[in-house]
Every structure is written in structure tokens, then in C-alpha cells.
């Protein structure tokens, strides 16, 4: 079913955060199919959660995941595996243990 104006959102394995106190909202949860995603404020959908993704340096545009991120290996289990052969990660960049020496959290 499409939302008013014919729009419908489908999102999988995404991180949606904000640097303000705002939360993600849709006119109606039925206007969106969001799954296996880290959404600020939470959002209905299979596998969704609301936790700090532990980016290396979002202020500098570095959205790679730090070790210990809740986004590692929690993506859609039906999605293609990450380059390291594990379950897909949530977010644009798969976790890479060698990135910047993989500092611990």
C-alpha cells in the first residue's frame, strides 16, 4: 500500500541517526517497510533496534564501525555476506577489523 502521493519507503540494513534530539518518523508505520536497521528513537520492523552505532568519526564523515558496534553481524540474514564471510552488517560500510588498527571501544 502506498502512502499519500504514492510514496512508500523500503529500507534494509540502514543506520538512521541524527545529531539532534529528533527521531525518525513516518506519517504511518504502514508507509514504510524498515527491517534490520538501527533507527534513532526506534521504529517498528523485524530486526530493528536503537543503539549507538559506534562510528569512528561521524563529525569528520567517517561512518565506519568500531569494534563492539551493535551493527556488526546484525543485518538481514538473507542479504549477501560481508567481505569477511560473516552475516551482513547494518550500515553503509562493513566492519573491517584492520581499519585504523581496530582500536577497542
C-alpha atoms as a PDB file:
ATOM      1  CA  UNK A   1       0.000   0.000   0.000  1.00  0.00           C
ATOM      2  CA  UNK A   2       1.441   3.376  -0.958  1.00  0.00           C
ATOM      3  CA  UNK A   3       1.301   6.429   1.262  1.00  0.00           C
ATOM      4  CA  UNK A   4      -0.438   9.628   0.190  1.00  0.00           C
ATOM      5  CA  UNK A   5       1.175  10.839  -3.009  1.00  0.00           C
ATOM      6  CA  UNK A   6       2.181   7.293  -3.966  1.00  0.00           C
ATOM      7  CA  UNK A   7       5.288   7.157  -1.775  1.00  0.00           C
ATOM      8  CA  UNK A   8       6.418   4.095   0.154  1.00  0.00           C
ATOM      9  CA  UNK A   9       9.769   3.571   1.883  1.00  0.00           C
ATOM     10  CA  UNK A  10      11.599   0.272   1.892  1.00  0.00           C
ATOM     11  CA  UNK A  11      14.848   0.215   3.869  1.00  0.00           C
ATOM     12  CA  UNK A  12      17.070  -2.663   4.974  1.00  0.00           C
ATOM     13  CA  UNK A  13      20.382  -2.670   6.868  1.00  0.00           C
ATOM     14  CA  UNK A  14      20.449   1.116   7.338  1.00  0.00           C
ATOM     15  CA  UNK A  15      21.588   3.353  10.166  1.00  0.00           C
ATOM     16  CA  UNK A  16      19.409   6.414  10.638  1.00  0.00           C
ATOM     17  CA  UNK A  17      20.686   8.745  13.368  1.00  0.00           C
ATOM     18  CA  UNK A  18      20.613  12.472  13.991  1.00  0.00           C
ATOM     19  CA  UNK A  19      22.835  14.950  15.763  1.00  0.00           C
ATOM     20  CA  UNK A  20      19.731  16.489  17.328  1.00  0.00           C
ATOM     21  CA  UNK A  21      17.102  15.111  19.651  1.00  0.00           C
ATOM     22  CA  UNK A  22      14.729  14.398  16.771  1.00  0.00           C
ATOM     23  CA  UNK A  23      13.517  10.905  15.995  1.00  0.00           C
ATOM     24  CA  UNK A  24      12.696   9.170  12.756  1.00  0.00           C
ATOM     25  CA  UNK A  25       9.003   9.333  11.914  1.00  0.00           C
ATOM     26  CA  UNK A  26       6.687   8.367   9.105  1.00  0.00           C
ATOM     27  CA  UNK A  27       3.147   9.513   8.550  1.00  0.00           C
ATOM     28  CA  UNK A  28       2.220   5.976   9.476  1.00  0.00           C
ATOM     29  CA  UNK A  29       4.369   2.906  10.105  1.00  0.00           C
ATOM     30  CA  UNK A  30       2.430   1.349   7.221  1.00  0.00           C
ATOM     31  CA  UNK A  31       4.094   3.933   4.933  1.00  0.00           C
ATOM     32  CA  UNK A  32       7.450   2.221   5.446  1.00  0.00           C
ATOM     33  CA  UNK A  33       8.953  -1.252   5.438  1.00  0.00           C
ATOM     34  CA  UNK A  34      12.106  -0.858   7.524  1.00  0.00           C
ATOM     35  CA  UNK A  35      13.943  -4.002   8.650  1.00  0.00           C
ATOM     36  CA  UNK A  36      17.264  -4.917  10.254  1.00  0.00           C
ATOM     37  CA  UNK A  37      18.099  -1.248  10.822  1.00  0.00           C
ATOM     38  CA  UNK A  38      19.425   0.946  13.619  1.00  0.00           C
ATOM     39  CA  UNK A  39      16.882   3.762  13.898  1.00  0.00           C
ATOM     40  CA  UNK A  40      17.070   6.681  16.354  1.00  0.00           C
ATOM     41  CA  UNK A  41      14.069   6.529  18.648  1.00  0.00           C
ATOM     42  CA  UNK A  42      13.197   3.035  17.426  1.00  0.00           C
ATOM     43  CA  UNK A  43      10.956   2.023  14.561  1.00  0.00           C
ATOM     44  CA  UNK A  44       8.632  -0.947  14.068  1.00  0.00           C
ATOM     45  CA  UNK A  45      10.025  -3.707  11.913  1.00  0.00           C
ATOM     46  CA  UNK A  46      11.776  -7.060  12.010  1.00  0.00           C
ATOM     47  CA  UNK A  47      15.296  -6.820  13.440  1.00  0.00           C
ATOM     48  CA  UNK A  48      15.210  -3.046  14.090  1.00  0.00           C
ATOM     49  CA  UNK A  49      16.979  -1.572  17.117  1.00  0.00           C
ATOM     50  CA  UNK A  50      18.064   1.759  18.613  1.00  0.00           C
ATOM     51  CA  UNK A  51      21.674   1.816  19.845  1.00  0.00           C
ATOM     52  CA  UNK A  52      24.755   3.974  19.364  1.00  0.00           C
ATOM     53  CA  UNK A  53      26.356   2.570  16.191  1.00  0.00           C
ATOM     54  CA  UNK A  54      29.860   3.462  17.436  1.00  0.00           C
ATOM     55  CA  UNK A  55      31.157   5.248  14.367  1.00  0.00           C
ATOM     56  CA  UNK A  56      34.859   6.112  14.245  1.00  0.00           C
ATOM     57  CA  UNK A  57      34.403   9.812  13.482  1.00  0.00           C
ATOM     58  CA  UNK A  58      30.981  10.957  12.316  1.00  0.00           C
ATOM     59  CA  UNK A  59      31.936  14.610  12.795  1.00  0.00           C
ATOM     60  CA  UNK A  60      34.593  14.095  10.123  1.00  0.00           C
ATOM     61  CA  UNK A  61      32.374  11.991   7.871  1.00  0.00           C
ATOM     62  CA  UNK A  62      33.907   8.663   8.968  1.00  0.00           C
ATOM     63  CA  UNK A  63      30.968   6.295   9.398  1.00  0.00           C
ATOM     64  CA  UNK A  64      32.939   3.066   9.636  1.00  0.00           C
ATOM     65  CA  UNK A  65      32.009   0.851  12.584  1.00  0.00           C
ATOM     66  CA  UNK A  66      34.206   0.470  15.650  1.00  0.00           C
ATOM     67  CA  UNK A  67      34.718  -2.937  17.249  1.00  0.00           C
ATOM     68  CA  UNK A  68      31.849  -3.649  19.630  1.00  0.00           C
ATOM     69  CA  UNK A  69      29.241  -1.875  17.495  1.00  0.00           C
ATOM     70  CA  UNK A  70      25.752  -3.357  17.749  1.00  0.00           C
ATOM     71  CA  UNK A  71      25.593  -3.023  13.948  1.00  0.00           C
ATOM     72  CA  UNK A  72      28.210  -5.717  13.325  1.00  0.00           C
ATOM     73  CA  UNK A  73      26.732  -9.000  12.041  1.00  0.00           C
ATOM     74  CA  UNK A  74      23.130  -7.915  12.768  1.00  0.00           C
ATOM     75  CA  UNK A  75      21.938  -7.125   9.245  1.00  0.00           C
ATOM     76  CA  UNK A  76      19.388  -9.055   7.253  1.00  0.00           C
ATOM     77  CA  UNK A  77      20.442 -12.718   7.385  1.00  0.00           C
ATOM     78  CA  UNK A  78      19.144 -13.142   3.817  1.00  0.00           C
ATOM     79  CA  UNK A  79      21.460 -10.385   2.496  1.00  0.00           C
ATOM     80  CA  UNK A  80      24.814 -11.209   0.944  1.00  0.00           C
ATOM     81  CA  UNK A  81      27.588 -11.935   3.433  1.00  0.00           C
ATOM     82  CA  UNK A  82      30.166  -9.275   4.234  1.00  0.00           C
ATOM     83  CA  UNK A  83      33.629  -9.450   2.633  1.00  0.00           C
ATOM     84  CA  UNK A  84      34.887 -11.277   5.754  1.00  0.00           C
ATOM     85  CA  UNK A  85      32.270 -14.009   5.199  1.00  0.00           C
ATOM     86  CA  UNK A  86      30.108 -13.108   8.207  1.00  0.00           C
ATOM     87  CA  UNK A  87      26.458 -12.046   8.342  1.00  0.00           C
ATOM     88  CA  UNK A  88      25.853  -8.638   6.788  1.00  0.00           C
ATOM     89  CA  UNK A  89      26.415  -5.581   8.947  1.00  0.00           C
ATOM     90  CA  UNK A  90      23.972  -2.718   9.365  1.00  0.00           C
ATOM     91  CA  UNK A  91      25.192   0.456   7.663  1.00  0.00           C
ATOM     92  CA  UNK A  92      26.961   1.563   4.515  1.00  0.00           C
ATOM     93  CA  UNK A  93      30.395   0.201   5.402  1.00  0.00           C
ATOM     94  CA  UNK A  94      31.009  -3.393   6.506  1.00  0.00           C
ATOM     95  CA  UNK A  95      33.090  -3.727   9.653  1.00  0.00           C
ATOM     96  CA  UNK A  96      36.787  -4.094   8.853  1.00  0.00           C
ATOM     97  CA  UNK A  97      38.920  -5.259  11.789  1.00  0.00           C
ATOM     98  CA  UNK A  98      42.054  -3.849  10.125  1.00  0.00           C
ATOM     99  CA  UNK A  99      40.656  -0.325   9.728  1.00  0.00           C
ATOM    100  CA  UNK A 100      42.809   2.167  11.691  1.00  0.00           C
ATOM    101  CA  UNK A 101      44.267  -0.593  13.742  1.00  0.00           C
ATOM    102  CA  UNK A 102      40.826  -1.528  15.080  1.00  0.00           C
ATOM    103  CA  UNK A 103      41.057   0.393  18.371  1.00  0.00           C
ATOM    104  CA  UNK A 104      38.946  -1.039  21.134  1.00  0.00           C
ATOM    105  CA  UNK A 105      35.900   0.777  22.445  1.00  0.00           C
END
